[in-house]
C-alpha atoms as a PDB file:
ATOM      1  CA  MET A   1     137.915 125.725 120.069  1.00  0.00           C
ATOM      2  CA  SER A   2     134.711 125.420 122.071  1.00  0.00           C
ATOM      3  CA  LYS A   3     131.511 127.100 120.980  1.00  0.00           C
ATOM      4  CA  LYS A   4     130.545 130.362 122.601  1.00  0.00           C
ATOM      5  CA  ARG A   5     127.604 130.094 125.013  1.00  0.00           C
ATOM      6  CA  VAL A   6     124.561 132.372 124.887  1.00  0.00           C
ATOM      7  CA  LEU A   7     121.940 132.553 127.640  1.00  0.00           C
ATOM      8  CA  VAL A   8     118.439 133.527 126.480  1.00  0.00           C
ATOM      9  CA  VAL A   9     116.142 134.794 129.260  1.00  0.00           C
ATOM     10  CA  ASP A  10     112.506 135.392 128.272  1.00  0.00           C
ATOM     11  CA  ASP A  11     109.163 134.312 129.738  1.00  0.00           C
ATOM     12  CA  ASP A  12     107.592 133.395 126.373  1.00  0.00           C
ATOM     13  CA  PRO A  13     108.415 129.706 125.678  1.00  0.00           C
ATOM     14  CA  ASP A  14     107.561 129.977 121.967  1.00  0.00           C
ATOM     15  CA  PHE A  15     109.811 133.007 121.558  1.00  0.00           C
ATOM     16  CA  VAL A  16     112.597 131.268 123.486  1.00  0.00           C
ATOM     17  CA  ASP A  17     112.343 128.212 121.218  1.00  0.00           C
ATOM     18  CA  ALA A  18     112.505 130.359 118.075  1.00  0.00           C
ATOM     19  CA  VAL A  19     115.449 132.451 119.306  1.00  0.00           C
ATOM     20  CA  LYS A  20     117.279 129.370 120.574  1.00  0.00           C
ATOM     21  CA  SER A  21     116.962 127.755 117.157  1.00  0.00           C
ATOM     22  CA  VAL A  22     118.282 130.869 115.393  1.00  0.00           C
ATOM     23  CA  ILE A  23     121.242 131.181 117.762  1.00  0.00           C
ATOM     24  CA  GLU A  24     122.111 127.472 117.566  1.00  0.00           C
ATOM     25  CA  ASP A  25     121.945 127.650 113.765  1.00  0.00           C
ATOM     26  CA  GLY A  26     124.412 130.532 114.080  1.00  0.00           C
ATOM     27  CA  GLY A  27     126.933 128.176 115.680  1.00  0.00           C
ATOM     28  CA  PHE A  28     126.465 128.936 119.382  1.00  0.00           C
ATOM     29  CA  GLU A  29     125.527 126.835 122.391  1.00  0.00           C
ATOM     30  CA  VAL A  30     122.339 128.081 124.042  1.00  0.00           C
ATOM     31  CA  ASP A  31     121.005 127.888 127.586  1.00  0.00           C
ATOM     32  CA  VAL A  32     117.546 129.208 128.440  1.00  0.00           C
ATOM     33  CA  ALA A  33     115.743 130.647 131.451  1.00  0.00           C
ATOM     34  CA  TYR A  34     112.200 131.949 131.808  1.00  0.00           C
ATOM     35  CA  ASP A  35     112.583 134.795 134.329  1.00  0.00           C
ATOM     36  CA  GLY A  36     115.329 136.970 135.743  1.00  0.00           C
ATOM     37  CA  GLN A  37     115.859 134.887 138.875  1.00  0.00           C
ATOM     38  CA  GLU A  38     116.242 131.683 136.869  1.00  0.00           C
ATOM     39  CA  GLY A  39     118.582 133.572 134.553  1.00  0.00           C
ATOM     40  CA  LEU A  40     120.847 134.539 137.448  1.00  0.00           C
ATOM     41  CA  SER A  41     120.905 130.896 138.573  1.00  0.00           C
ATOM     42  CA  LYS A  42     121.873 129.758 135.076  1.00  0.00           C
ATOM     43  CA  VAL A  43     124.695 132.311 134.966  1.00  0.00           C
ATOM     44  CA  ALA A  44     126.022 130.906 138.251  1.00  0.00           C
ATOM     45  CA  GLN A  45     125.819 127.317 136.936  1.00  0.00           C
ATOM     46  CA  SER A  46     127.368 127.874 133.526  1.00  0.00           C
ATOM     47  CA  ARG A  47     128.857 131.250 132.705  1.00  0.00           C
ATOM     48  CA  PRO A  48     127.622 132.440 129.297  1.00  0.00           C
ATOM     49  CA  ASP A  49     129.640 134.579 126.918  1.00  0.00           C
ATOM     50  CA  VAL A  50     126.598 136.770 126.110  1.00  0.00           C
ATOM     51  CA  ILE A  51     123.151 137.159 127.712  1.00  0.00           C
ATOM     52  CA  ILE A  52     119.996 137.944 125.723  1.00  0.00           C
ATOM     53  CA  LEU A  53     117.553 139.367 128.257  1.00  0.00           C
ATOM     54  CA  ASP A  54     113.885 140.283 128.009  1.00  0.00           C
ATOM     55  CA  VAL A  55     112.581 143.068 130.242  1.00  0.00           C
ATOM     56  CA  MET A  56     108.957 142.250 131.037  1.00  0.00           C
ATOM     57  CA  MET A  57     109.080 138.978 132.986  1.00  0.00           C
ATOM     58  CA  PRO A  58     107.599 137.555 136.185  1.00  0.00           C
ATOM     59  CA  VAL A  59     109.537 136.874 139.403  1.00  0.00           C
ATOM     60  CA  MET A  60     112.390 139.257 138.474  1.00  0.00           C
ATOM     61  CA  ASN A  61     112.279 141.557 135.464  1.00  0.00           C
ATOM     62  CA  GLY A  62     115.184 142.052 133.103  1.00  0.00           C
ATOM     63  CA  HIS A  63     116.215 145.441 134.497  1.00  0.00           C
ATOM     64  CA  GLU A  64     116.599 143.984 137.991  1.00  0.00           C
ATOM     65  CA  ALA A  65     118.485 140.952 136.691  1.00  0.00           C
ATOM     66  CA  CYS A  66     120.825 143.128 134.621  1.00  0.00           C
ATOM     67  CA  LYS A  67     121.554 145.426 137.567  1.00  0.00           C
ATOM     68  CA  LYS A  68     122.428 142.398 139.729  1.00  0.00           C
ATOM     69  CA  LEU A  69     124.704 140.992 137.021  1.00  0.00           C
ATOM     70  CA  LYS A  70     126.500 144.320 136.566  1.00  0.00           C
ATOM     71  CA  ALA A  71     126.888 144.844 140.330  1.00  0.00           C
ATOM     72  CA  ASP A  72     128.666 141.487 140.776  1.00  0.00           C
ATOM     73  CA  PRO A  73     132.371 141.591 139.801  1.00  0.00           C
ATOM     74  CA  ALA A  74     132.149 137.928 138.758  1.00  0.00           C
ATOM     75  CA  THR A  75     129.516 138.682 136.087  1.00  0.00           C
ATOM     76  CA  ALA A  76     129.867 142.400 135.385  1.00  0.00           C
ATOM     77  CA  GLU A  77     131.882 141.861 132.213  1.00  0.00           C
ATOM     78  CA  ILE A  78     129.353 139.539 130.537  1.00  0.00           C
ATOM     79  CA  PRO A  79     127.699 141.503 127.715  1.00  0.00           C
ATOM     80  CA  VAL A  80     123.927 141.845 128.167  1.00  0.00           C
ATOM     81  CA  ILE A  81     121.676 142.551 125.203  1.00  0.00           C
ATOM     82  CA  LEU A  82     118.141 143.605 126.088  1.00  0.00           C
ATOM     83  CA  LEU A  83     115.792 142.076 123.513  1.00  0.00           C
ATOM     84  CA  THR A  84     112.374 143.420 124.317  1.00  0.00           C
ATOM     85  CA  ALA A  85     109.118 144.875 123.075  1.00  0.00           C
ATOM     86  CA  VAL A  86     109.191 147.544 125.814  1.00  0.00           C
ATOM     87  CA  ALA A  87     109.989 150.307 123.343  1.00  0.00           C
ATOM     88  CA  SER A  88     106.658 149.798 121.632  1.00  0.00           C
ATOM     89  CA  ARG A  89     104.846 149.652 124.970  1.00  0.00           C
ATOM     90  CA  VAL A  90     106.429 152.490 126.927  1.00  0.00           C
ATOM     91  CA  THR A  91     103.127 154.355 127.108  1.00  0.00           C
ATOM     92  CA  SER A  92     101.251 151.276 128.363  1.00  0.00           C
ATOM     93  CA  SER A  93     103.785 149.733 130.735  1.00  0.00           C
ATOM     94  CA  THR A  94     105.645 150.682 133.874  1.00  0.00           C
ATOM     95  CA  TYR A  95     108.971 150.322 132.056  1.00  0.00           C
ATOM     96  CA  THR A  96     110.694 153.332 130.513  1.00  0.00           C
ATOM     97  CA  HIS A  97     113.650 154.077 128.258  1.00  0.00           C
ATOM     98  CA  ARG A  98     115.386 155.439 131.358  1.00  0.00           C
ATOM     99  CA  ASP A  99     115.061 151.971 132.970  1.00  0.00           C
ATOM    100  CA  MET A 100     116.933 150.548 129.997  1.00  0.00           C
ATOM    101  CA  LEU A 101     119.733 153.057 130.376  1.00  0.00           C
ATOM    102  CA  GLU A 102     119.961 152.525 134.133  1.00  0.00           C
ATOM    103  CA  SER A 103     120.133 148.743 133.788  1.00  0.00           C
ATOM    104  CA  ALA A 104     123.679 149.095 132.339  1.00  0.00           C
ATOM    105  CA  ALA A 105     123.058 146.633 129.507  1.00  0.00           C
ATOM    106  CA  GLU A 106     125.557 146.872 126.674  1.00  0.00           C
ATOM    107  CA  ASP A 107     122.967 146.812 123.925  1.00  0.00           C
ATOM    108  CA  TYR A 108     119.252 147.000 123.214  1.00  0.00           C
ATOM    109  CA  ILE A 109     117.291 145.415 120.366  1.00  0.00           C
ATOM    110  CA  PRO A 110     113.551 145.940 119.942  1.00  0.00           C
ATOM    111  CA  LYS A 111     111.288 142.958 119.220  1.00  0.00           C
ATOM    112  CA  PRO A 112     110.616 141.678 116.678  1.00  0.00           C
ATOM    113  CA  VAL A 113     114.153 141.199 115.397  1.00  0.00           C
ATOM    114  CA  GLU A 114     115.425 139.655 112.196  1.00  0.00           C
ATOM    115  CA  PRO A 115     117.550 136.532 112.830  1.00  0.00           C
ATOM    116  CA  GLU A 116     120.630 137.927 111.074  1.00  0.00           C
ATOM    117  CA  VAL A 117     120.445 141.160 113.074  1.00  0.00           C
ATOM    118  CA  LEU A 118     120.354 139.196 116.335  1.00  0.00           C
ATOM    119  CA  LEU A 119     123.262 136.973 115.300  1.00  0.00           C
ATOM    120  CA  GLN A 120     125.338 139.955 114.192  1.00  0.00           C
ATOM    121  CA  ARG A 121     124.766 141.769 117.483  1.00  0.00           C
ATOM    122  CA  ILE A 122     125.818 138.643 119.417  1.00  0.00           C
ATOM    123  CA  ARG A 123     128.970 138.385 117.288  1.00  0.00           C
ATOM    124  CA  ASP A 124     129.649 142.096 117.799  1.00  0.00           C
ATOM    125  CA  TRP A 125     129.787 141.603 121.591  1.00  0.00           C
ATOM    126  CA  LEU A 126     132.057 138.580 121.417  1.00  0.00           C
END
């Protein structure tokens, strides 16, 4: 049986490296992208089983990327987990909890996250 594939989309390279390592240690294959637009391209190249998506990113933010994924019948069924620090920055950013609800993501995890919590949430959506 082939390994399940997880796409991690976040603009912080150090965070991406850390999360990638955790997810690979959990037995998954991992692809990475550094903004929403690149994430959509990666989905088109190699369909992931789950997408871990940050919100605050350049080029295309996570809400926009998630809405595009959910609007496309070819990708609408891929579970999207928002992994973001937005919750702690709602008062100082243009993002809101309503944005998270409207993005149609299946799940939301605030940063920072414990490795086992992240792995369990990925397993829950598979």
